[in-house]
Amino acid sequence: MNTVTNKTNKPMKVPLPGGKVLRLAPGKSAPIVPKAAEFKPLLALVEAGEIELSDSARRASGGGAGGKSMRSSSERPGGIRHFGDR
């Protein structure tokens, strides 16, 4: 998965394949599919320096389940389930 980052001080619309548009606030980033990273209008914005394109797959460290433990409902803290109006 690739990531696109807005490097300008204004909100912008990033063109994507299929007539879609990604709206990015100043300094914000969003993931895009690899197919979109090869889209010519998007590459023109990269060359102009308005957006930055990075490959988030190489930054990821392959940490398994994402750091969240999988708990079943019987292992809830406190062990009490509340029902009805309160």
Protein backbone atom coordinates (compact mmCIF):
# COMPACT_ATOMS: atom_id res chain seq x y z
CA MET A 1 0.00 0.00 0.00
CA ASN A 2 1.32 3.44 -0.93
CA THR A 3 0.80 6.65 0.99
CA VAL A 4 0.20 10.12 -0.44
CA THR A 5 1.01 13.24 1.66
CA ASN A 6 -0.09 16.83 0.99
CA LYS A 7 3.01 19.06 1.19
CA THR A 8 1.19 22.36 0.56
CA ASN A 9 -0.46 24.78 2.99
CA LYS A 10 -3.87 24.41 1.33
CA PRO A 11 -6.38 21.58 0.95
CA MET A 12 -6.10 19.80 -2.37
CA LYS A 13 -7.87 17.30 -4.58
CA VAL A 14 -5.66 14.43 -5.75
CA PRO A 15 -6.91 12.74 -8.94
CA LEU A 16 -7.19 8.95 -8.85
CA PRO A 17 -7.97 6.38 -11.56
CA GLY A 18 -11.62 5.80 -12.42
CA GLY A 19 -12.56 9.47 -12.08
CA LYS A 20 -12.19 9.40 -8.30
CA VAL A 21 -10.72 12.21 -6.22
CA LEU A 22 -8.89 12.08 -2.89
CA ARG A 23 -9.27 15.22 -0.78
CA LEU A 24 -6.30 15.93 1.50
CA ALA A 25 -5.99 18.60 4.17
CA PRO A 26 -2.65 20.44 4.51
CA GLY A 27 0.07 18.13 5.85
CA LYS A 28 -2.22 15.08 5.99
CA SER A 29 -1.65 11.72 4.34
CA ALA A 30 -3.82 8.86 3.09
CA PRO A 31 -3.23 5.34 1.75
CA ILE A 32 -3.76 4.60 -1.95
CA VAL A 33 -3.58 1.38 -3.95
CA PRO A 34 -0.39 0.67 -5.95
CA LYS A 35 -2.32 1.00 -9.23
CA ALA A 36 -3.16 4.62 -8.36
CA ALA A 37 0.51 5.40 -7.66
CA GLU A 38 1.22 4.94 -11.39
CA PHE A 39 -1.57 7.34 -12.51
CA LYS A 40 -0.08 10.12 -14.68
CA PRO A 41 -2.01 13.10 -13.19
CA LEU A 42 -0.94 11.97 -9.70
CA LEU A 43 2.69 11.63 -10.84
CA ALA A 44 2.51 15.19 -12.24
CA LEU A 45 1.64 16.47 -8.74
CA VAL A 46 4.56 14.50 -7.29
CA GLU A 47 6.95 16.07 -9.82
CA ALA A 48 5.57 19.53 -9.01
CA GLY A 49 6.34 18.93 -5.32
CA GLU A 50 2.77 19.42 -4.16
CA ILE A 51 2.41 15.87 -2.85
CA GLU A 52 4.80 13.19 -1.67
CA LEU A 53 4.37 9.53 -2.57
CA SER A 54 5.84 6.87 -0.27
CA ASP A 55 5.65 3.10 -0.09
CA SER A 56 4.31 2.24 3.37
CA ALA A 57 4.99 -1.48 2.85
CA ARG A 58 8.72 -0.94 3.26
CA ARG A 59 8.21 1.10 6.44
CA ALA A 60 6.01 -1.54 8.06
CA SER A 61 7.91 -3.92 10.30
CA GLY A 62 5.70 -7.00 9.91
CA GLY A 63 4.66 -7.09 13.56
CA GLY A 64 2.11 -9.91 13.42
CA ALA A 65 -1.40 -9.04 14.58
CA GLY A 66 -0.84 -5.30 14.80
CA GLY A 67 -0.15 -5.23 18.53
CA LYS A 68 -3.72 -5.91 19.62
CA SER A 69 -4.46 -8.96 21.68
CA MET A 70 -7.43 -11.08 20.76
CA ARG A 71 -9.69 -11.44 23.81
CA SER A 72 -12.80 -13.50 23.97
CA SER A 73 -15.89 -12.05 25.63
CA SER A 74 -15.33 -14.24 28.72
CA GLU A 75 -11.96 -12.54 29.38
CA ARG A 76 -13.34 -9.03 29.83
CA PRO A 77 -11.90 -6.99 32.67
CA GLY A 78 -14.22 -7.17 35.65
CA GLY A 79 -16.10 -10.17 34.30
CA ILE A 80 -19.53 -8.50 34.66
CA ARG A 81 -21.84 -7.96 31.70
CA HIS A 82 -24.49 -5.28 32.06
CA PHE A 83 -27.91 -5.56 30.40
CA GLY A 84 -30.97 -3.30 30.17
CA ASP A 85 -31.52 0.36 30.84
CA ARG A 86 -29.31 2.21 33.24
